[in-house]
């Protein structure tokens, strides 16, 4: 589910391979502003997801450079990075879950909720554009159907949008915490899938499992 660049592009670090990292960096900045202005925990959860996406992209770039075109070496490098990333995913999920439960049982209104909603909408728009650009640039029968890509990549943003909007306009700050809890569970599931695929690749060096991508390590999503 992660966007993967051709090995030569990743290894060379050309302009096209830098695009996803720059986009994720901008989305993180926008979400950080939205979090500071609104205090929304669901915006915070989406910010964590995007930061993990950026980490996954950085790991893919590093693995591509280190493998120098060696497919087996590159798969092993990505698997090692996947184990590390899954650990961070579990830790982030646990922390977000704790914060979300606190907001559910002790809800408090947002500061300026509209800024949180605007930040999530911008992140949602950036992810949608990235999906279409990627599918247009990389035409492959192996790509999942468009509706599956949209549903998977945009899920955290949509959940965060529901939470922030509910807290802003429905006077229901508890739903903001509930949305963050959903994202935390999604992160934990993604970390488990990532760890399973990475360990399978390390145990069987000749096997390159698709699970090493993980449902939260998407360069499109966030």
C-alpha atoms as a PDB file:
ATOM      1  CA  UNK A   1       0.000   0.000   0.000  1.00  0.00           C
ATOM      2  CA  UNK A   2       2.955   2.309   0.156  1.00  0.00           C
ATOM      3  CA  UNK A   3       3.897   4.214  -2.922  1.00  0.00           C
ATOM      4  CA  UNK A   4       7.093   2.693  -4.245  1.00  0.00           C
ATOM      5  CA  UNK A   5       9.427   4.375  -6.663  1.00  0.00           C
ATOM      6  CA  UNK A   6      11.486   2.414  -9.178  1.00  0.00           C
ATOM      7  CA  UNK A   7      14.773   1.204  -7.617  1.00  0.00           C
ATOM      8  CA  UNK A   8      16.850   3.477  -9.846  1.00  0.00           C
ATOM      9  CA  UNK A   9      14.816   6.540  -8.892  1.00  0.00           C
ATOM     10  CA  UNK A  10      15.031   5.778  -5.210  1.00  0.00           C
ATOM     11  CA  UNK A  11      18.712   5.039  -5.333  1.00  0.00           C
ATOM     12  CA  UNK A  12      19.542   8.172  -7.260  1.00  0.00           C
ATOM     13  CA  UNK A  13      17.353  10.398  -5.095  1.00  0.00           C
ATOM     14  CA  UNK A  14      16.227  12.377  -8.118  1.00  0.00           C
ATOM     15  CA  UNK A  15      13.647  15.160  -8.045  1.00  0.00           C
ATOM     16  CA  UNK A  16      10.725  12.822  -8.725  1.00  0.00           C
ATOM     17  CA  UNK A  17      11.642  10.630  -5.755  1.00  0.00           C
ATOM     18  CA  UNK A  18      11.796  13.661  -3.446  1.00  0.00           C
ATOM     19  CA  UNK A  19       8.224  14.755  -4.212  1.00  0.00           C
ATOM     20  CA  UNK A  20       6.422  12.539  -1.677  1.00  0.00           C
ATOM     21  CA  UNK A  21       8.784  13.583   1.110  1.00  0.00           C
ATOM     22  CA  UNK A  22       8.302  17.283   0.390  1.00  0.00           C
ATOM     23  CA  UNK A  23       4.529  16.863   0.241  1.00  0.00           C
ATOM     24  CA  UNK A  24       4.443  14.989   3.534  1.00  0.00           C
ATOM     25  CA  UNK A  25       6.621  17.656   5.132  1.00  0.00           C
ATOM     26  CA  UNK A  26       4.195  20.371   4.042  1.00  0.00           C
ATOM     27  CA  UNK A  27       1.198  18.370   5.297  1.00  0.00           C
ATOM     28  CA  UNK A  28       2.904  17.907   8.662  1.00  0.00           C
ATOM     29  CA  UNK A  29       3.457  21.665   8.914  1.00  0.00           C
ATOM     30  CA  UNK A  30      -0.205  22.360   8.080  1.00  0.00           C
ATOM     31  CA  UNK A  31      -1.450  19.787  10.596  1.00  0.00           C
ATOM     32  CA  UNK A  32       0.911  21.107  13.276  1.00  0.00           C
ATOM     33  CA  UNK A  33      -0.610  24.567  12.807  1.00  0.00           C
ATOM     34  CA  UNK A  34      -4.128  23.104  12.914  1.00  0.00           C
ATOM     35  CA  UNK A  35      -3.296  21.216  16.113  1.00  0.00           C
ATOM     36  CA  UNK A  36      -1.854  24.299  17.819  1.00  0.00           C
ATOM     37  CA  UNK A  37      -4.831  26.428  16.805  1.00  0.00           C
ATOM     38  CA  UNK A  38      -7.573  23.916  17.632  1.00  0.00           C
ATOM     39  CA  UNK A  39      -6.221  21.523  20.256  1.00  0.00           C
ATOM     40  CA  UNK A  40      -8.009  18.650  18.472  1.00  0.00           C
ATOM     41  CA  UNK A  41      -6.755  15.204  19.444  1.00  0.00           C
ATOM     42  CA  UNK A  42      -7.993  13.724  16.157  1.00  0.00           C
ATOM     43  CA  UNK A  43      -5.851  16.264  14.268  1.00  0.00           C
ATOM     44  CA  UNK A  44      -2.961  15.193  16.496  1.00  0.00           C
ATOM     45  CA  UNK A  45      -3.620  11.547  15.586  1.00  0.00           C
ATOM     46  CA  UNK A  46      -3.567  12.399  11.880  1.00  0.00           C
ATOM     47  CA  UNK A  47      -0.335  14.316  12.405  1.00  0.00           C
ATOM     48  CA  UNK A  48       1.235  11.223  13.954  1.00  0.00           C
ATOM     49  CA  UNK A  49       0.057   9.089  11.014  1.00  0.00           C
ATOM     50  CA  UNK A  50       1.615  11.513   8.548  1.00  0.00           C
ATOM     51  CA  UNK A  51       4.880  11.595  10.493  1.00  0.00           C
ATOM     52  CA  UNK A  52       4.997   7.792  10.326  1.00  0.00           C
ATOM     53  CA  UNK A  53       4.377   7.992   6.579  1.00  0.00           C
ATOM     54  CA  UNK A  54       7.341  10.349   6.257  1.00  0.00           C
ATOM     55  CA  UNK A  55       9.466   7.973   8.307  1.00  0.00           C
ATOM     56  CA  UNK A  56       8.465   5.074   6.042  1.00  0.00           C
ATOM     57  CA  UNK A  57       9.355   7.102   2.938  1.00  0.00           C
ATOM     58  CA  UNK A  58      12.738   7.975   4.449  1.00  0.00           C
ATOM     59  CA  UNK A  59      13.354   4.295   5.188  1.00  0.00           C
ATOM     60  CA  UNK A  60      12.488   3.337   1.614  1.00  0.00           C
ATOM     61  CA  UNK A  61      14.896   5.974   0.279  1.00  0.00           C
ATOM     62  CA  UNK A  62      17.669   4.778   2.592  1.00  0.00           C
ATOM     63  CA  UNK A  63      17.062   1.132   1.664  1.00  0.00           C
ATOM     64  CA  UNK A  64      17.194   1.990  -2.028  1.00  0.00           C
ATOM     65  CA  UNK A  65      20.513   3.786  -1.653  1.00  0.00           C
ATOM     66  CA  UNK A  66      22.010   1.059   0.525  1.00  0.00           C
ATOM     67  CA  UNK A  67      20.934  -1.841  -1.714  1.00  0.00           C
ATOM     68  CA  UNK A  68      22.420  -0.211  -4.855  1.00  0.00           C
ATOM     69  CA  UNK A  69      20.127  -2.187  -7.150  1.00  0.00           C
ATOM     70  CA  UNK A  70      20.465  -5.532  -5.305  1.00  0.00           C
ATOM     71  CA  UNK A  71      16.820  -6.684  -4.954  1.00  0.00           C
ATOM     72  CA  UNK A  72      17.451  -9.186  -2.149  1.00  0.00           C
ATOM     73  CA  UNK A  73      19.616  -6.778  -0.195  1.00  0.00           C
ATOM     74  CA  UNK A  74      17.033  -4.053  -0.658  1.00  0.00           C
ATOM     75  CA  UNK A  75      14.200  -6.315   0.549  1.00  0.00           C
ATOM     76  CA  UNK A  76      16.179  -7.188   3.662  1.00  0.00           C
ATOM     77  CA  UNK A  77      16.938  -3.523   4.348  1.00  0.00           C
ATOM     78  CA  UNK A  78      13.260  -2.627   4.004  1.00  0.00           C
ATOM     79  CA  UNK A  79      12.338  -5.480   6.338  1.00  0.00           C
ATOM     80  CA  UNK A  80      14.749  -4.278   9.032  1.00  0.00           C
ATOM     81  CA  UNK A  81      13.347  -0.765   8.672  1.00  0.00           C
ATOM     82  CA  UNK A  82       9.842  -2.261   8.868  1.00  0.00           C
ATOM     83  CA  UNK A  83      10.573  -3.866  12.242  1.00  0.00           C
ATOM     84  CA  UNK A  84      11.741  -0.514  13.594  1.00  0.00           C
ATOM     85  CA  UNK A  85       8.766   1.325  12.101  1.00  0.00           C
ATOM     86  CA  UNK A  86       6.297  -1.184  13.495  1.00  0.00           C
ATOM     87  CA  UNK A  87       7.702  -0.604  16.972  1.00  0.00           C
ATOM     88  CA  UNK A  88       7.134   3.115  16.564  1.00  0.00           C
ATOM     89  CA  UNK A  89       3.644   2.373  15.247  1.00  0.00           C
ATOM     90  CA  UNK A  90       2.732   0.343  18.332  1.00  0.00           C
ATOM     91  CA  UNK A  91       4.135   3.029  20.627  1.00  0.00           C
ATOM     92  CA  UNK A  92       2.240   5.779  18.776  1.00  0.00           C
ATOM     93  CA  UNK A  93      -0.980   3.762  18.863  1.00  0.00           C
ATOM     94  CA  UNK A  94      -0.678   3.207  22.611  1.00  0.00           C
ATOM     95  CA  UNK A  95      -0.007   6.895  23.301  1.00  0.00           C
ATOM     96  CA  UNK A  96      -2.825   8.060  21.027  1.00  0.00           C
ATOM     97  CA  UNK A  97      -5.195   5.547  22.574  1.00  0.00           C
ATOM     98  CA  UNK A  98      -4.437   6.889  26.043  1.00  0.00           C
ATOM     99  CA  UNK A  99      -4.930  10.485  24.936  1.00  0.00           C
ATOM    100  CA  UNK A 100      -8.133   9.604  23.096  1.00  0.00           C
ATOM    101  CA  UNK A 101      -9.647   7.838  26.105  1.00  0.00           C
ATOM    102  CA  UNK A 102      -8.861  10.881  28.226  1.00  0.00           C
ATOM    103  CA  UNK A 103     -10.735  13.118  25.789  1.00  0.00           C
ATOM    104  CA  UNK A 104     -13.670  10.699  25.658  1.00  0.00           C
ATOM    105  CA  UNK A 105     -14.160  10.458  29.414  1.00  0.00           C
ATOM    106  CA  UNK A 106     -13.144  14.054  30.109  1.00  0.00           C
ATOM    107  CA  UNK A 107     -14.096  15.998  26.982  1.00  0.00           C
ATOM    108  CA  UNK A 108     -13.203  19.647  26.580  1.00  0.00           C
ATOM    109  CA  UNK A 109     -14.117  22.056  23.809  1.00  0.00           C
ATOM    110  CA  UNK A 110     -11.630  22.911  21.097  1.00  0.00           C
ATOM    111  CA  UNK A 111      -9.864  26.269  21.009  1.00  0.00           C
ATOM    112  CA  UNK A 112     -10.631  27.312  17.422  1.00  0.00           C
ATOM    113  CA  UNK A 113     -11.952  24.142  15.877  1.00  0.00           C
ATOM    114  CA  UNK A 114     -12.326  25.622  12.398  1.00  0.00           C
ATOM    115  CA  UNK A 115      -8.563  25.713  11.957  1.00  0.00           C
ATOM    116  CA  UNK A 116      -8.356  22.018  12.734  1.00  0.00           C
ATOM    117  CA  UNK A 117     -11.039  21.246  10.148  1.00  0.00           C
ATOM    118  CA  UNK A 118      -9.267  23.366   7.527  1.00  0.00           C
ATOM    119  CA  UNK A 119      -5.953  21.620   8.218  1.00  0.00           C
ATOM    120  CA  UNK A 120      -7.524  18.181   7.823  1.00  0.00           C
ATOM    121  CA  UNK A 121      -9.267  19.246   4.606  1.00  0.00           C
ATOM    122  CA  UNK A 122      -5.950  20.410   3.158  1.00  0.00           C
ATOM    123  CA  UNK A 123      -4.300  17.118   4.146  1.00  0.00           C
ATOM    124  CA  UNK A 124      -7.205  15.223   2.584  1.00  0.00           C
ATOM    125  CA  UNK A 125      -6.888  17.198  -0.652  1.00  0.00           C
ATOM    126  CA  UNK A 126      -3.122  16.626  -0.795  1.00  0.00           C
ATOM    127  CA  UNK A 127      -3.556  12.872  -0.310  1.00  0.00           C
ATOM    128  CA  UNK A 128      -6.258  12.659  -2.996  1.00  0.00           C
ATOM    129  CA  UNK A 129      -4.154  14.545  -5.549  1.00  0.00           C
ATOM    130  CA  UNK A 130      -1.139  12.351  -4.732  1.00  0.00           C
ATOM    131  CA  UNK A 131      -3.143   9.178  -5.349  1.00  0.00           C
ATOM    132  CA  UNK A 132      -4.279  10.297  -8.793  1.00  0.00           C
ATOM    133  CA  UNK A 133      -0.829  11.561  -9.769  1.00  0.00           C
ATOM    134  CA  UNK A 134       0.776   8.300  -8.675  1.00  0.00           C
ATOM    135  CA  UNK A 135      -1.694   6.170 -10.604  1.00  0.00           C
ATOM    136  CA  UNK A 136      -1.176   8.341 -13.657  1.00  0.00           C
ATOM    137  CA  UNK A 137       2.620   8.130 -13.440  1.00  0.00           C
ATOM    138  CA  UNK A 138       2.917   4.451 -12.503  1.00  0.00           C
ATOM    139  CA  UNK A 139       0.540   2.392 -14.624  1.00  0.00           C
ATOM    140  CA  UNK A 140       0.576  -1.206 -13.429  1.00  0.00           C
ATOM    141  CA  UNK A 141      -1.876  -4.074 -13.316  1.00  0.00           C
ATOM    142  CA  UNK A 142      -0.623  -4.754  -9.792  1.00  0.00           C
ATOM    143  CA  UNK A 143      -2.162  -1.542  -8.482  1.00  0.00           C
ATOM    144  CA  UNK A 144      -5.373  -1.978  -6.478  1.00  0.00           C
ATOM    145  CA  UNK A 145      -8.632  -0.542  -7.862  1.00  0.00           C
ATOM    146  CA  UNK A 146      -9.046   3.188  -7.450  1.00  0.00           C
ATOM    147  CA  UNK A 147     -11.874   2.908  -4.932  1.00  0.00           C
ATOM    148  CA  UNK A 148      -9.745   0.640  -2.734  1.00  0.00           C
ATOM    149  CA  UNK A 149      -6.808   3.049  -2.849  1.00  0.00           C
ATOM    150  CA  UNK A 150      -9.016   5.996  -1.963  1.00  0.00           C
ATOM    151  CA  UNK A 151     -10.769   4.160   0.869  1.00  0.00           C
ATOM    152  CA  UNK A 152      -7.515   2.938   2.391  1.00  0.00           C
ATOM    153  CA  UNK A 153      -5.314   5.984   1.949  1.00  0.00           C
ATOM    154  CA  UNK A 154      -7.918   8.550   2.994  1.00  0.00           C
ATOM    155  CA  UNK A 155      -9.429   6.652   5.935  1.00  0.00           C
ATOM    156  CA  UNK A 156      -7.470   8.401   8.730  1.00  0.00           C
ATOM    157  CA  UNK A 157      -8.084  11.850   7.229  1.00  0.00           C
ATOM    158  CA  UNK A 158     -11.817  11.208   6.919  1.00  0.00           C
ATOM    159  CA  UNK A 159     -12.038   9.944  10.499  1.00  0.00           C
ATOM    160  CA  UNK A 160     -10.106  12.973  11.764  1.00  0.00           C
ATOM    161  CA  UNK A 161     -12.369  15.268   9.738  1.00  0.00           C
ATOM    162  CA  UNK A 162     -15.473  13.757  11.332  1.00  0.00           C
ATOM    163  CA  UNK A 163     -13.979  14.120  14.809  1.00  0.00           C
ATOM    164  CA  UNK A 164     -12.799  17.711  14.400  1.00  0.00           C
ATOM    165  CA  UNK A 165     -16.013  18.808  12.686  1.00  0.00           C
ATOM    166  CA  UNK A 166     -18.189  17.162  15.339  1.00  0.00           C
ATOM    167  CA  UNK A 167     -16.307  18.878  18.131  1.00  0.00           C
ATOM    168  CA  UNK A 168     -16.459  22.225  16.310  1.00  0.00           C
ATOM    169  CA  UNK A 169     -20.028  22.432  15.036  1.00  0.00           C
ATOM    170  CA  UNK A 170     -21.962  19.793  16.983  1.00  0.00           C
ATOM    171  CA  UNK A 171     -20.564  20.708  20.403  1.00  0.00           C
ATOM    172  CA  UNK A 172     -19.518  17.076  20.819  1.00  0.00           C
ATOM    173  CA  UNK A 173     -15.830  17.093  21.834  1.00  0.00           C
ATOM    174  CA  UNK A 174     -16.125  13.490  22.925  1.00  0.00           C
ATOM    175  CA  UNK A 175     -16.433  12.495  19.274  1.00  0.00           C
ATOM    176  CA  UNK A 176     -13.064  14.101  18.648  1.00  0.00           C
ATOM    177  CA  UNK A 177     -11.579  11.685  21.161  1.00  0.00           C
ATOM    178  CA  UNK A 178     -13.501   8.782  19.641  1.00  0.00           C
ATOM    179  CA  UNK A 179     -12.105   9.614  16.198  1.00  0.00           C
ATOM    180  CA  UNK A 180      -8.573   9.646  17.619  1.00  0.00           C
ATOM    181  CA  UNK A 181      -9.222   6.257  19.227  1.00  0.00           C
ATOM    182  CA  UNK A 182     -10.292   4.814  15.864  1.00  0.00           C
ATOM    183  CA  UNK A 183      -7.071   6.113  14.294  1.00  0.00           C
ATOM    184  CA  UNK A 184      -5.054   4.615  17.167  1.00  0.00           C
ATOM    185  CA  UNK A 185      -6.613   1.187  16.576  1.00  0.00           C
ATOM    186  CA  UNK A 186      -5.945   1.544  12.852  1.00  0.00           C
ATOM    187  CA  UNK A 187      -2.297   2.369  13.592  1.00  0.00           C
ATOM    188  CA  UNK A 188      -1.929  -0.690  15.824  1.00  0.00           C
ATOM    189  CA  UNK A 189      -3.392  -2.942  13.133  1.00  0.00           C
ATOM    190  CA  UNK A 190      -1.056  -1.402  10.573  1.00  0.00           C
ATOM    191  CA  UNK A 191       1.960  -1.881  12.816  1.00  0.00           C
ATOM    192  CA  UNK A 192       1.043  -5.552  13.315  1.00  0.00           C
ATOM    193  CA  UNK A 193       0.714  -6.125   9.548  1.00  0.00           C
ATOM    194  CA  UNK A 194       4.014  -4.356   8.937  1.00  0.00           C
ATOM    195  CA  UNK A 195       5.820  -6.395  11.604  1.00  0.00           C
ATOM    196  CA  UNK A 196       4.391  -9.674  10.298  1.00  0.00           C
ATOM    197  CA  UNK A 197       5.531  -8.968   6.749  1.00  0.00           C
ATOM    198  CA  UNK A 198       8.960  -7.728   7.824  1.00  0.00           C
ATOM    199  CA  UNK A 199       9.629 -10.774   9.987  1.00  0.00           C
ATOM    200  CA  UNK A 200       8.518 -13.078   7.174  1.00  0.00           C
ATOM    201  CA  UNK A 201      11.043 -11.442   4.852  1.00  0.00           C
ATOM    202  CA  UNK A 202      13.843 -11.728   7.410  1.00  0.00           C
ATOM    203  CA  UNK A 203      13.083 -15.382   8.177  1.00  0.00           C
ATOM    204  CA  UNK A 204      12.775 -16.279   4.482  1.00  0.00           C
ATOM    205  CA  UNK A 205      15.302 -14.046   2.679  1.00  0.00           C
ATOM    206  CA  UNK A 206      14.039 -15.117  -0.736  1.00  0.00           C
ATOM    207  CA  UNK A 207      10.518 -13.960   0.024  1.00  0.00           C
ATOM    208  CA  UNK A 208       9.470 -10.360  -0.557  1.00  0.00           C
ATOM    209  CA  UNK A 209       6.162  -9.978   1.225  1.00  0.00           C
ATOM    210  CA  UNK A 210       3.729  -7.261   0.235  1.00  0.00           C
ATOM    211  CA  UNK A 211       2.864  -6.958   3.924  1.00  0.00           C
ATOM    212  CA  UNK A 212       6.121  -5.063   4.505  1.00  0.00           C
ATOM    213  CA  UNK A 213       4.312  -2.003   3.184  1.00  0.00           C
ATOM    214  CA  UNK A 214       1.839  -1.917   6.061  1.00  0.00           C
ATOM    215  CA  UNK A 215      -1.509  -0.141   5.895  1.00  0.00           C
ATOM    216  CA  UNK A 216      -0.193   2.991   7.584  1.00  0.00           C
ATOM    217  CA  UNK A 217       3.132   3.305   5.759  1.00  0.00           C
ATOM    218  CA  UNK A 218       1.636   5.031   2.794  1.00  0.00           C
ATOM    219  CA  UNK A 219       3.355   7.823   1.004  1.00  0.00           C
ATOM    220  CA  UNK A 220       0.014   8.772  -0.487  1.00  0.00           C
ATOM    221  CA  UNK A 221      -1.971   8.782   2.682  1.00  0.00           C
ATOM    222  CA  UNK A 222      -1.970  11.056   5.784  1.00  0.00           C
END
